[in-house]
Amino acid sequence: MNRYQMQMAPRWWSPQLNGLMVKLWRPVRVRKQVRNERLMEVTVRGAERVRTLLEEGRAVLITPNHPTHADAYSVYAAADEIGVPLYLMTAWQVFSMKSALTRQVLRWHGCFSVDREAADMRAFRQAVEVLERRREPLVVFPEGEVYHCNGRVRPFREGAAAIALSAAKRDKRPVVCVPCALWYEYLDDPTEELKGIMNDLEREVLWRPRTDLPLHERIYRFAEVCLVIKELEFLGRACEGPLPGRILNLADKILRSIEARRGLPPRSGDVPERVKELRHVAIQELEKDGVDEPTRKRVYEELEDLFLAVQLFSYPGDYVAEKPTVERMAETLDKFEEDVLNRFSATVRGRRRVTAAFGEPIPVERPKDRKSATVQLTELLETSVQRLIDQLSGAAPGGR
């Protein structure tokens, strides 16, 4: 995973959607899509559904899964097929890392920033305003992170549903959510490149590369070593049992330790939401005037531990075992490359294609109970996107 920045968002970037600039920059966007992401083919299914909804004057919120760093290119390629530009809610870190020109290009493409660590009401109001007044669709990635887990969506956060329900409550026009599945496949077999990165990873933990073993077995042996190292660091012992349970147990122990240290009761909910709350508290402490060096060191270590908890959560533990396809092995090695070798972004192993599939629209009614409606809509969006992924994977060679 890309490392979290240890600060508040320095500013907010508003959208400046410009249809002419979107058209003018399209050749550049396509070149970068091919050169940087090796994304050679984009197939769009269900574009007419979105087009019809827009022609009917409905507010459209598109909720894709977020499996790769190429997803923004894929979504905008789908928008080209629909024939309309987009608004995209974008992590502020994306803006902060870009040049002034690139930031402006992002804004021309309808991107606006959101601070995922805070209750970013400015971004929330902007998103609701798009649904109330703008013709173009709004895109929100409810997973909130790139998890490199294309075959299995990670838990959706509630922000997208809350935005849709807020817009519906104001009754300006009908609001619909459109589930969207992004499905990536390799055009070239990347197995030899995968074996190369596996060799690097094994050497990183002082092992001799086990080229005599099947790749999926090497992946699990390496995962076991990494988990044991962290169990020894945080628990003082190596645990036993299946990886999925051990991974979640370690993440929970890390979070409970931080909650206890801060005098907070143990939180319920999934790991990303607990991390979001604790990061917000920690960063607020860093932002205070006169923070002494011991406190700063303690908070930085706490933020590192919180990032580790999210990293742990991002590994299902049985993803490759469920279906040891080349794509799933490649995704897992992508994660290891970022998390263990500390590379900012995983290397793209070969030429790829993507299918962007839009599902049946979900009408959003004015909520009677906002909280329960948000939970229900979030669950419905998550299951709808997973269903689309399952349909696409069933049609893929090898069933991925």
Protein backbone atom coordinates (compact mmCIF):
# COMPACT_ATOMS: atom_id res chain seq x y z
CA MET A 1 0.00 0.00 0.00
CA ASN A 2 1.05 3.59 -0.51
CA ARG A 3 2.25 5.01 2.79
CA TYR A 4 0.03 7.48 4.59
CA GLN A 5 1.28 11.03 5.03
CA MET A 6 1.57 12.07 8.67
CA GLN A 7 -0.18 15.42 8.48
CA MET A 8 -3.52 17.11 7.95
CA ALA A 9 -4.52 18.04 4.41
CA PRO A 10 -2.65 21.29 3.60
CA ARG A 11 -5.60 22.68 1.64
CA TRP A 12 -8.69 21.72 -0.32
CA TRP A 13 -8.74 21.44 -4.09
CA SER A 14 -12.08 22.16 -5.77
CA PRO A 15 -13.17 20.73 -9.13
CA GLN A 16 -13.00 22.85 -12.26
CA LEU A 17 -14.57 20.43 -14.72
CA ASN A 18 -13.98 21.58 -18.28
CA GLY A 19 -15.37 19.40 -21.05
CA LEU A 20 -13.19 20.99 -23.71
CA MET A 21 -10.01 20.37 -21.72
CA VAL A 22 -11.09 16.77 -21.08
CA LYS A 23 -11.31 16.26 -24.85
CA LEU A 24 -8.02 18.04 -25.55
CA TRP A 25 -6.15 16.03 -22.92
CA ARG A 26 -7.64 12.68 -23.93
CA PRO A 27 -4.69 11.67 -26.22
CA VAL A 28 -2.25 12.42 -23.38
CA ARG A 29 -4.40 10.47 -20.92
CA VAL A 30 -4.53 7.46 -23.25
CA ARG A 31 -0.76 7.58 -23.81
CA LYS A 32 -0.12 7.61 -20.06
CA GLN A 33 -2.65 4.81 -19.59
CA VAL A 34 -0.71 2.65 -22.06
CA ARG A 35 2.82 3.72 -21.09
CA ASN A 36 2.52 3.89 -17.30
CA GLU A 37 -0.15 1.28 -16.60
CA ARG A 38 0.31 -0.94 -19.66
CA LEU A 39 -3.45 -0.88 -20.04
CA MET A 40 -3.96 -1.71 -23.69
CA GLU A 41 -7.67 -2.51 -23.96
CA VAL A 42 -10.75 -1.09 -22.25
CA THR A 43 -14.12 -2.79 -22.69
CA VAL A 44 -17.22 -1.07 -21.31
CA ARG A 45 -20.45 -2.89 -20.50
CA GLY A 46 -23.66 -1.15 -19.55
CA ALA A 47 -22.67 2.33 -20.75
CA GLU A 48 -26.15 2.76 -22.19
CA ARG A 49 -27.62 2.38 -18.70
CA VAL A 50 -25.70 5.37 -17.44
CA ARG A 51 -26.40 7.34 -20.61
CA THR A 52 -30.15 6.75 -20.24
CA LEU A 53 -30.14 7.82 -16.59
CA LEU A 54 -28.38 11.05 -17.50
CA GLU A 55 -30.80 11.72 -20.35
CA GLU A 56 -33.66 11.28 -17.87
CA GLY A 57 -32.12 14.02 -15.72
CA ARG A 58 -31.21 11.78 -12.78
CA ALA A 59 -28.34 12.38 -10.39
CA VAL A 60 -25.89 9.52 -10.89
CA LEU A 61 -23.36 8.28 -8.32
CA ILE A 62 -20.99 5.62 -9.70
CA THR A 63 -19.32 3.35 -7.13
CA PRO A 64 -16.45 1.25 -8.58
CA ASN A 65 -14.15 -1.15 -6.81
CA HIS A 66 -10.55 0.08 -6.42
CA PRO A 67 -8.13 -2.79 -7.17
CA THR A 68 -5.28 -0.98 -8.97
CA HIS A 69 -3.53 2.33 -9.46
CA ALA A 70 -4.93 2.36 -13.01
CA ASP A 71 -8.55 2.72 -11.92
CA ALA A 72 -8.88 6.44 -12.67
CA TYR A 73 -7.77 5.78 -16.25
CA SER A 74 -10.26 2.93 -16.53
CA VAL A 75 -13.16 4.99 -15.19
CA TYR A 76 -12.41 7.89 -17.51
CA ALA A 77 -12.10 5.55 -20.49
CA ALA A 78 -15.59 4.32 -19.58
CA ALA A 79 -16.74 7.95 -19.40
CA ASP A 80 -15.46 8.45 -22.95
CA GLU A 81 -17.73 5.57 -23.98
CA ILE A 82 -20.70 7.11 -22.16
CA GLY A 83 -19.93 10.45 -23.77
CA VAL A 84 -19.74 12.62 -20.66
CA PRO A 85 -16.94 13.76 -18.31
CA LEU A 86 -16.97 12.95 -14.59
CA TYR A 87 -16.55 14.35 -11.13
CA LEU A 88 -14.19 12.23 -9.02
CA MET A 89 -13.65 12.38 -5.27
CA THR A 90 -9.87 12.05 -4.91
CA ALA A 91 -7.60 11.62 -1.87
CA TRP A 92 -5.82 14.89 -1.10
CA GLN A 93 -2.49 13.06 -1.14
CA VAL A 94 -2.88 12.58 -4.91
CA PHE A 95 -2.99 16.36 -5.38
CA SER A 96 -0.17 17.04 -2.93
CA MET A 97 2.28 14.78 -4.77
CA LYS A 98 1.67 16.30 -8.22
CA SER A 99 3.08 19.31 -10.04
CA ALA A 100 1.01 22.48 -10.36
CA LEU A 101 0.17 21.62 -13.98
CA THR A 102 -0.93 18.08 -13.13
CA ARG A 103 -3.09 19.36 -10.27
CA GLN A 104 -4.80 21.71 -12.69
CA VAL A 105 -5.35 18.91 -15.19
CA LEU A 106 -6.92 16.80 -12.44
CA ARG A 107 -9.29 19.65 -11.60
CA TRP A 108 -10.23 20.07 -15.28
CA HIS A 109 -11.15 16.38 -15.19
CA GLY A 110 -13.55 16.99 -12.30
CA CYS A 111 -11.31 15.76 -9.47
CA PHE A 112 -11.71 17.34 -6.05
CA SER A 113 -9.88 16.45 -2.87
CA VAL A 114 -11.10 14.66 0.23
CA ASP A 115 -9.36 14.13 3.56
CA ARG A 116 -10.19 10.51 4.38
CA GLU A 117 -8.76 10.93 7.88
CA ALA A 118 -11.32 13.53 8.92
CA ALA A 119 -14.97 14.41 8.60
CA ASP A 120 -14.28 16.45 5.46
CA MET A 121 -17.50 18.42 5.23
CA ARG A 122 -16.21 20.57 2.39
CA ALA A 123 -15.70 17.54 0.17
CA PHE A 124 -19.01 16.08 1.38
CA ARG A 125 -20.91 19.26 0.49
CA GLN A 126 -19.18 19.41 -2.89
CA ALA A 127 -20.21 15.82 -3.65
CA VAL A 128 -23.82 16.46 -2.64
CA GLU A 129 -23.87 19.65 -4.73
CA VAL A 130 -22.71 17.67 -7.78
CA LEU A 131 -25.62 15.25 -7.35
CA GLU A 132 -28.06 18.10 -6.82
CA ARG A 133 -27.09 20.38 -9.68
CA ARG A 134 -24.59 18.94 -12.15
CA ARG A 135 -25.40 16.88 -15.22
CA GLU A 136 -22.23 14.80 -15.02
CA PRO A 137 -21.95 11.68 -12.83
CA LEU A 138 -20.04 11.63 -9.56
CA VAL A 139 -17.52 8.81 -8.97
CA VAL A 140 -16.61 7.69 -5.45
CA PHE A 141 -14.45 4.63 -4.70
CA PRO A 142 -16.13 3.26 -1.54
CA GLU A 143 -13.22 0.95 -0.61
CA GLY A 144 -11.14 4.07 -0.05
CA GLU A 145 -7.80 2.37 -0.76
CA VAL A 146 -6.06 0.46 -3.53
CA TYR A 147 -6.06 -3.05 -2.07
CA HIS A 148 -4.70 -5.06 -5.05
CA CYS A 149 -7.55 -7.51 -4.54
CA ASN A 150 -9.54 -7.52 -7.77
CA GLY A 151 -11.46 -10.72 -7.16
CA ARG A 152 -12.83 -9.75 -3.77
CA VAL A 153 -14.05 -6.31 -2.71
CA ARG A 154 -12.92 -5.07 0.67
CA PRO A 155 -15.54 -3.57 3.00
CA PHE A 156 -17.11 -0.43 1.60
CA ARG A 157 -16.95 2.69 3.71
CA GLU A 158 -20.22 4.51 4.30
CA GLY A 159 -19.29 7.84 2.74
CA ALA A 160 -20.66 7.14 -0.74
CA ALA A 161 -24.03 6.00 0.61
CA ALA A 162 -24.20 9.01 2.96
CA ILE A 163 -23.60 11.37 0.03
CA ALA A 164 -26.36 9.75 -2.05
CA LEU A 165 -28.84 9.81 0.83
CA SER A 166 -28.08 13.46 1.62
CA ALA A 167 -28.77 14.41 -1.99
CA ALA A 168 -31.97 12.34 -2.02
CA LYS A 169 -33.16 14.00 1.18
CA ARG A 170 -33.05 17.41 -0.49
CA ASP A 171 -35.44 16.25 -3.22
CA LYS A 172 -33.86 18.33 -6.00
CA ARG A 173 -34.05 15.42 -8.47
CA PRO A 174 -34.07 11.59 -8.43
CA VAL A 175 -30.80 10.05 -7.23
CA VAL A 176 -29.48 6.66 -8.34
CA CYS A 177 -26.34 4.73 -7.46
CA VAL A 178 -24.75 2.70 -10.24
CA PRO A 179 -22.49 -0.16 -9.09
CA CYS A 180 -19.40 -0.51 -11.27
CA ALA A 181 -16.93 -3.39 -11.45
CA LEU A 182 -13.42 -2.94 -12.82
CA TRP A 183 -11.93 -6.26 -13.90
CA TYR A 184 -8.28 -6.56 -15.01
CA GLU A 185 -6.61 -9.39 -16.90
CA TYR A 186 -3.12 -9.89 -18.29
CA LEU A 187 -2.66 -10.09 -22.04
CA ASP A 188 0.85 -11.50 -21.50
CA ASP A 189 1.75 -14.24 -19.03
CA PRO A 190 3.79 -12.44 -16.31
CA THR A 191 4.91 -15.63 -14.53
CA GLU A 192 8.65 -15.19 -15.20
CA GLU A 193 8.55 -11.61 -13.88
CA LEU A 194 6.62 -12.82 -10.84
CA LYS A 195 9.29 -15.41 -10.12
CA GLY A 196 11.89 -12.65 -10.30
CA ILE A 197 10.17 -10.48 -7.69
CA MET A 198 9.60 -13.58 -5.55
CA ASN A 199 13.37 -14.18 -5.61
CA ASP A 200 13.95 -10.59 -4.44
CA LEU A 201 11.45 -11.00 -1.61
CA GLU A 202 12.97 -14.24 -0.36
CA ARG A 203 16.43 -12.68 -0.37
CA GLU A 204 15.01 -9.75 1.62
CA VAL A 205 14.34 -12.13 4.55
CA LEU A 206 17.75 -13.81 4.11
CA TRP A 207 16.37 -16.87 2.35
CA ARG A 208 17.80 -18.66 -0.64
CA PRO A 209 15.20 -18.36 -3.46
CA ARG A 210 13.12 -21.55 -3.49
CA THR A 211 12.87 -21.93 -7.25
CA ASP A 212 12.09 -25.63 -6.78
CA LEU A 213 8.65 -24.83 -5.31
CA PRO A 214 5.43 -23.76 -7.05
CA LEU A 215 4.96 -19.99 -6.98
CA HIS A 216 1.76 -20.07 -4.91
CA GLU A 217 3.51 -22.17 -2.25
CA ARG A 218 6.43 -19.73 -2.15
CA ILE A 219 3.98 -16.86 -1.66
CA TYR A 220 2.41 -18.51 1.39
CA ARG A 221 5.75 -19.51 2.90
CA PHE A 222 6.92 -15.92 2.57
CA ALA A 223 3.65 -14.55 4.00
CA GLU A 224 4.04 -16.84 7.01
CA VAL A 225 7.56 -15.53 7.66
CA CYS A 226 6.45 -11.89 7.47
CA LEU A 227 3.52 -12.51 9.81
CA VAL A 228 5.66 -14.37 12.34
CA ILE A 229 8.15 -11.47 12.41
CA LYS A 230 5.35 -9.03 13.26
CA GLU A 231 3.74 -11.41 15.77
CA LEU A 232 7.07 -11.66 17.58
CA GLU A 233 7.44 -7.87 17.51
CA PHE A 234 3.98 -7.05 18.86
CA LEU A 235 2.86 -10.19 20.72
CA GLY A 236 6.18 -11.65 21.82
CA ARG A 237 5.41 -15.03 20.28
CA ALA A 238 4.52 -16.69 17.01
CA CYS A 239 0.90 -17.77 16.80
CA GLU A 240 -0.60 -20.84 15.19
CA GLY A 241 -3.60 -21.40 12.97
CA PRO A 242 -4.87 -20.24 9.57
CA LEU A 243 -3.49 -16.95 8.24
CA PRO A 244 -6.81 -15.02 7.95
CA GLY A 245 -7.58 -15.27 11.66
CA ARG A 246 -4.01 -14.52 12.72
CA ILE A 247 -3.84 -11.45 10.49
CA LEU A 248 -7.03 -9.95 11.92
CA ASN A 249 -6.01 -10.88 15.46
CA LEU A 250 -2.69 -9.04 15.13
CA ALA A 251 -4.36 -5.96 13.62
CA ASP A 252 -6.91 -5.93 16.44
CA LYS A 253 -4.21 -6.28 19.13
CA ILE A 254 -2.28 -3.34 17.65
CA LEU A 255 -5.39 -1.15 17.62
CA ARG A 256 -6.48 -2.17 21.12
CA SER A 257 -3.03 -1.32 22.43
CA ILE A 258 -3.21 2.19 20.96
CA GLU A 259 -6.79 2.68 22.17
CA ALA A 260 -5.76 1.65 25.69
CA ARG A 261 -2.70 3.90 25.63
CA ARG A 262 -4.93 6.84 24.75
CA GLY A 263 -7.53 5.95 27.37
CA LEU A 264 -10.15 5.11 24.75
CA PRO A 265 -12.59 2.22 25.04
CA PRO A 266 -12.04 -0.61 22.53
CA ARG A 267 -13.81 0.28 19.32
CA SER A 268 -16.01 -1.98 17.25
CA GLY A 269 -16.16 -1.85 13.48
CA ASP A 270 -13.71 -2.80 10.78
CA VAL A 271 -10.03 -1.95 10.83
CA PRO A 272 -10.03 1.01 8.38
CA GLU A 273 -12.68 2.90 10.37
CA ARG A 274 -10.86 2.34 13.67
CA VAL A 275 -7.59 3.43 12.08
CA LYS A 276 -9.24 6.53 10.64
CA GLU A 277 -10.42 7.63 14.11
CA LEU A 278 -7.08 6.95 15.78
CA ARG A 279 -5.06 8.63 13.01
CA HIS A 280 -7.21 11.72 13.31
CA VAL A 281 -6.51 11.92 17.05
CA ALA A 282 -2.77 11.34 16.54
CA ILE A 283 -2.38 13.89 13.74
CA GLN A 284 -4.29 16.49 15.77
CA GLU A 285 -1.75 15.97 18.56
CA LEU A 286 1.14 16.50 16.13
CA GLU A 287 -0.44 19.71 14.82
CA LYS A 288 -0.46 21.34 18.26
CA ASP A 289 2.07 24.05 19.07
CA GLY A 290 5.03 23.16 21.26
CA VAL A 291 5.01 19.38 20.85
CA ASP A 292 8.22 18.08 22.45
CA GLU A 293 10.49 15.57 20.74
CA PRO A 294 9.58 12.52 22.91
CA THR A 295 5.87 13.11 22.22
CA ARG A 296 6.51 13.59 18.51
CA LYS A 297 8.51 10.34 18.40
CA ARG A 298 5.76 8.44 20.25
CA VAL A 299 3.04 9.74 17.92
CA TYR A 300 5.07 8.94 14.80
CA GLU A 301 5.55 5.39 16.05
CA GLU A 302 1.83 5.18 16.73
CA LEU A 303 1.07 6.31 13.18
CA GLU A 304 3.46 3.67 11.83
CA ASP A 305 1.63 1.02 13.87
CA LEU A 306 -1.73 2.24 12.53
CA PHE A 307 -0.44 1.97 8.99
CA LEU A 308 0.69 -1.59 9.74
CA ALA A 309 -2.83 -2.42 10.95
CA VAL A 310 -4.27 -1.28 7.60
CA GLN A 311 -1.57 -3.19 5.73
CA LEU A 312 -2.50 -6.34 7.64
CA PHE A 313 -6.19 -5.79 6.95
CA SER A 314 -5.46 -5.49 3.23
CA TYR A 315 -4.33 -9.15 3.10
CA PRO A 316 -7.32 -11.54 3.19
CA GLY A 317 -4.93 -14.41 3.93
CA ASP A 318 -6.70 -16.93 1.69
CA TYR A 319 -6.92 -14.97 -1.55
CA VAL A 320 -4.38 -16.99 -3.55
CA ALA A 321 -5.35 -20.29 -1.91
CA GLU A 322 -8.96 -19.79 -3.00
CA LYS A 323 -7.95 -19.41 -6.66
CA PRO A 324 -4.20 -19.63 -7.41
CA THR A 325 -4.49 -17.79 -10.73
CA VAL A 326 -1.68 -15.74 -12.20
CA GLU A 327 -3.63 -12.51 -11.58
CA ARG A 328 -4.16 -13.25 -7.90
CA MET A 329 -0.55 -14.25 -7.43
CA ALA A 330 0.54 -11.07 -9.23
CA GLU A 331 -1.69 -8.90 -7.03
CA THR A 332 -0.30 -10.46 -3.87
CA LEU A 333 3.27 -9.95 -5.05
CA ASP A 334 2.37 -6.35 -5.94
CA LYS A 335 1.36 -5.87 -2.31
CA PHE A 336 4.58 -7.46 -1.04
CA GLU A 337 6.61 -5.25 -3.37
CA GLU A 338 5.03 -2.12 -1.89
CA ASP A 339 4.88 -3.29 1.73
CA VAL A 340 8.09 -5.29 2.15
CA LEU A 341 10.41 -3.76 -0.44
CA ASN A 342 9.01 -0.29 0.31
CA ARG A 343 8.44 0.63 -3.32
CA PHE A 344 6.02 3.49 -3.83
CA SER A 345 4.02 1.65 -6.46
CA ALA A 346 4.22 -1.93 -7.64
CA THR A 347 5.72 -2.65 -11.04
CA VAL A 348 3.18 -3.45 -13.74
CA ARG A 349 4.15 -6.96 -14.86
CA GLY A 350 2.75 -7.05 -18.37
CA ARG A 351 0.22 -5.70 -20.83
CA ARG A 352 -3.31 -5.70 -19.45
CA ARG A 353 -6.92 -5.18 -20.40
CA VAL A 354 -9.81 -4.03 -18.25
CA THR A 355 -13.55 -4.49 -18.40
CA ALA A 356 -15.65 -1.77 -16.78
CA ALA A 357 -19.16 -3.10 -16.14
CA PHE A 358 -22.03 -0.92 -14.94
CA GLY A 359 -24.75 -2.77 -13.04
CA GLU A 360 -28.43 -2.18 -12.46
CA PRO A 361 -29.08 1.29 -11.03
CA ILE A 362 -30.17 1.46 -7.39
CA PRO A 363 -32.76 4.19 -6.73
CA VAL A 364 -32.05 6.16 -3.56
CA GLU A 365 -35.14 7.22 -1.66
CA ARG A 366 -35.49 9.98 0.90
CA PRO A 367 -34.36 8.23 4.12
CA LYS A 368 -36.58 7.90 7.18
CA ASP A 369 -33.75 6.70 9.40
CA ARG A 370 -30.51 8.14 8.01
CA LYS A 371 -28.16 5.86 9.96
CA SER A 372 -29.82 2.55 9.12
CA ALA A 373 -30.40 3.65 5.51
CA THR A 374 -26.67 4.42 5.16
CA VAL A 375 -25.70 0.97 6.45
CA GLN A 376 -28.22 -0.78 4.20
CA LEU A 377 -27.24 1.14 1.07
CA THR A 378 -23.54 0.56 1.74
CA GLU A 379 -24.13 -3.19 2.05
CA LEU A 380 -26.23 -3.21 -1.12
CA LEU A 381 -23.57 -1.36 -3.10
CA GLU A 382 -20.85 -3.70 -1.87
CA THR A 383 -22.77 -6.88 -2.72
CA SER A 384 -23.80 -5.46 -6.10
CA VAL A 385 -20.20 -4.69 -7.08
CA GLN A 386 -19.05 -8.12 -5.86
CA ARG A 387 -21.80 -9.76 -7.92
CA LEU A 388 -20.59 -7.94 -11.04
CA ILE A 389 -17.01 -9.02 -10.32
CA ASP A 390 -18.13 -12.63 -9.89
CA GLN A 391 -19.93 -12.45 -13.24
CA LEU A 392 -16.87 -11.04 -14.97
CA SER A 393 -14.51 -13.52 -13.32
CA GLY A 394 -16.73 -16.41 -14.32
CA ALA A 395 -16.47 -15.29 -17.93
CA ALA A 396 -12.67 -14.92 -17.73
CA PRO A 397 -10.33 -17.68 -18.92
CA GLY A 398 -9.56 -19.88 -15.93
CA GLY A 399 -12.37 -18.35 -13.88
CA ARG A 400 -9.93 -16.16 -11.96
